[in-house]
Amino acid sequence: MQKTQHLTDEEIDRLGYQALKERLGIVGAVRFVSLQAEQAGDDYAEIRNKILEGMTVQDIYEEAVRLEAQREEPGRKD
């Protein structure tokens, strides 16, 4: 799996659509994007709550520390 931490927004966008097409096919990818567009009316707090549902502040902190340590590992090329 490709590391995405240092990709530009444009690269993430391109790879995301590519992944959708590969996994869902063209019709499924279009349906998925349509569903997301309908849900775009959600405000930031609602989206954040969906993403972080069930996580404590400690959980979020520990994940951030883990990702930072992983990013700083010697010899990593991502």
C-alpha atoms as a PDB file:
ATOM      1  CA  MET A   1       0.000   0.000   0.000  1.00  0.00           C
ATOM      2  CA  GLN A   2       1.293   3.439  -0.910  1.00  0.00           C
ATOM      3  CA  LYS A   3       2.196   5.843   1.886  1.00  0.00           C
ATOM      4  CA  THR A   4       0.095   8.977   1.594  1.00  0.00           C
ATOM      5  CA  GLN A   5       1.419  11.278   4.304  1.00  0.00           C
ATOM      6  CA  HIS A   6       3.435  13.466   1.944  1.00  0.00           C
ATOM      7  CA  LEU A   7       1.207  13.436  -1.133  1.00  0.00           C
ATOM      8  CA  THR A   8      -0.372  16.624  -2.401  1.00  0.00           C
ATOM      9  CA  ASP A   9      -4.135  17.094  -2.307  1.00  0.00           C
ATOM     10  CA  GLU A  10      -4.206  16.603  -6.066  1.00  0.00           C
ATOM     11  CA  GLU A  11      -2.347  13.285  -5.794  1.00  0.00           C
ATOM     12  CA  ILE A  12      -4.687  12.091  -3.033  1.00  0.00           C
ATOM     13  CA  ASP A  13      -7.687  13.096  -5.142  1.00  0.00           C
ATOM     14  CA  ARG A  14      -6.372  11.210  -8.181  1.00  0.00           C
ATOM     15  CA  LEU A  15      -5.437   8.103  -6.208  1.00  0.00           C
ATOM     16  CA  GLY A  16      -8.770   8.145  -4.381  1.00  0.00           C
ATOM     17  CA  TYR A  17     -10.785   8.171  -7.581  1.00  0.00           C
ATOM     18  CA  GLN A  18      -8.515   5.493  -9.030  1.00  0.00           C
ATOM     19  CA  ALA A  19      -9.097   3.292  -5.969  1.00  0.00           C
ATOM     20  CA  LEU A  20     -12.846   3.817  -6.195  1.00  0.00           C
ATOM     21  CA  LYS A  21     -12.889   2.829  -9.852  1.00  0.00           C
ATOM     22  CA  GLU A  22     -10.731  -0.253  -9.250  1.00  0.00           C
ATOM     23  CA  ARG A  23     -12.754  -1.447  -6.267  1.00  0.00           C
ATOM     24  CA  LEU A  24     -16.298  -0.434  -7.245  1.00  0.00           C
ATOM     25  CA  GLY A  25     -16.128  -0.117 -11.015  1.00  0.00           C
ATOM     26  CA  ILE A  26     -17.182   3.040 -12.849  1.00  0.00           C
ATOM     27  CA  VAL A  27     -20.891   2.814 -11.987  1.00  0.00           C
ATOM     28  CA  GLY A  28     -20.210   2.058  -8.318  1.00  0.00           C
ATOM     29  CA  ALA A  29     -17.658   4.868  -8.101  1.00  0.00           C
ATOM     30  CA  VAL A  30     -20.133   7.349  -9.570  1.00  0.00           C
ATOM     31  CA  ARG A  31     -22.810   6.184  -7.141  1.00  0.00           C
ATOM     32  CA  PHE A  32     -20.390   6.555  -4.216  1.00  0.00           C
ATOM     33  CA  VAL A  33     -19.404  10.078  -5.224  1.00  0.00           C
ATOM     34  CA  SER A  34     -23.086  10.989  -5.638  1.00  0.00           C
ATOM     35  CA  LEU A  35     -23.858   9.733  -2.143  1.00  0.00           C
ATOM     36  CA  GLN A  36     -20.978  11.740  -0.718  1.00  0.00           C
ATOM     37  CA  ALA A  37     -22.151  14.867  -2.506  1.00  0.00           C
ATOM     38  CA  GLU A  38     -25.610  14.457  -0.972  1.00  0.00           C
ATOM     39  CA  GLN A  39     -24.080  14.168   2.476  1.00  0.00           C
ATOM     40  CA  ALA A  40     -21.833  17.206   1.973  1.00  0.00           C
ATOM     41  CA  GLY A  41     -24.464  19.297   3.723  1.00  0.00           C
ATOM     42  CA  ASP A  42     -23.163  17.919   7.027  1.00  0.00           C
ATOM     43  CA  ASP A  43     -21.323  20.533   9.015  1.00  0.00           C
ATOM     44  CA  TYR A  44     -17.766  20.085  10.277  1.00  0.00           C
ATOM     45  CA  ALA A  45     -18.825  19.040  13.788  1.00  0.00           C
ATOM     46  CA  GLU A  46     -21.075  16.271  12.457  1.00  0.00           C
ATOM     47  CA  ILE A  47     -18.356  14.921  10.166  1.00  0.00           C
ATOM     48  CA  ARG A  48     -15.751  15.103  12.914  1.00  0.00           C
ATOM     49  CA  ASN A  49     -18.071  13.268  15.303  1.00  0.00           C
ATOM     50  CA  LYS A  50     -18.612  10.498  12.748  1.00  0.00           C
ATOM     51  CA  ILE A  51     -14.877  10.074  12.196  1.00  0.00           C
ATOM     52  CA  LEU A  52     -13.920  10.178  15.866  1.00  0.00           C
ATOM     53  CA  GLU A  53     -16.938   8.284  17.209  1.00  0.00           C
ATOM     54  CA  GLY A  54     -15.993   6.150  20.192  1.00  0.00           C
ATOM     55  CA  MET A  55     -12.522   7.669  20.593  1.00  0.00           C
ATOM     56  CA  THR A  56     -11.381   9.433  23.733  1.00  0.00           C
ATOM     57  CA  VAL A  57      -8.998  12.375  23.793  1.00  0.00           C
ATOM     58  CA  GLN A  58      -6.363   9.920  25.035  1.00  0.00           C
ATOM     59  CA  ASP A  59      -7.039   7.605  22.052  1.00  0.00           C
ATOM     60  CA  ILE A  60      -6.601  10.497  19.626  1.00  0.00           C
ATOM     61  CA  TYR A  61      -3.403  11.643  21.348  1.00  0.00           C
ATOM     62  CA  GLU A  62      -1.924   8.136  21.325  1.00  0.00           C
ATOM     63  CA  GLU A  63      -2.700   7.718  17.625  1.00  0.00           C
ATOM     64  CA  ALA A  64      -1.049  11.065  16.853  1.00  0.00           C
ATOM     65  CA  VAL A  65       2.051  10.085  18.845  1.00  0.00           C
ATOM     66  CA  ARG A  66       2.199   6.683  17.113  1.00  0.00           C
ATOM     67  CA  LEU A  67       1.918   8.234  13.651  1.00  0.00           C
ATOM     68  CA  GLU A  68       4.563  10.849  14.435  1.00  0.00           C
ATOM     69  CA  ALA A  69       6.983   8.197  15.733  1.00  0.00           C
ATOM     70  CA  GLN A  70       6.333   6.067  12.658  1.00  0.00           C
ATOM     71  CA  ARG A  71       6.983   9.057  10.396  1.00  0.00           C
ATOM     72  CA  GLU A  72      10.314   9.758  12.098  1.00  0.00           C
ATOM     73  CA  GLU A  73      11.668   6.199  11.847  1.00  0.00           C
ATOM     74  CA  PRO A  74      15.165   6.213  10.317  1.00  0.00           C
ATOM     75  CA  GLY A  75      15.283   5.037   6.723  1.00  0.00           C
ATOM     76  CA  ARG A  76      11.589   5.639   6.018  1.00  0.00           C
ATOM     77  CA  LYS A  77      10.978   7.006   2.565  1.00  0.00           C
ATOM     78  CA  ASP A  78       7.378   8.198   2.987  1.00  0.00           C
END
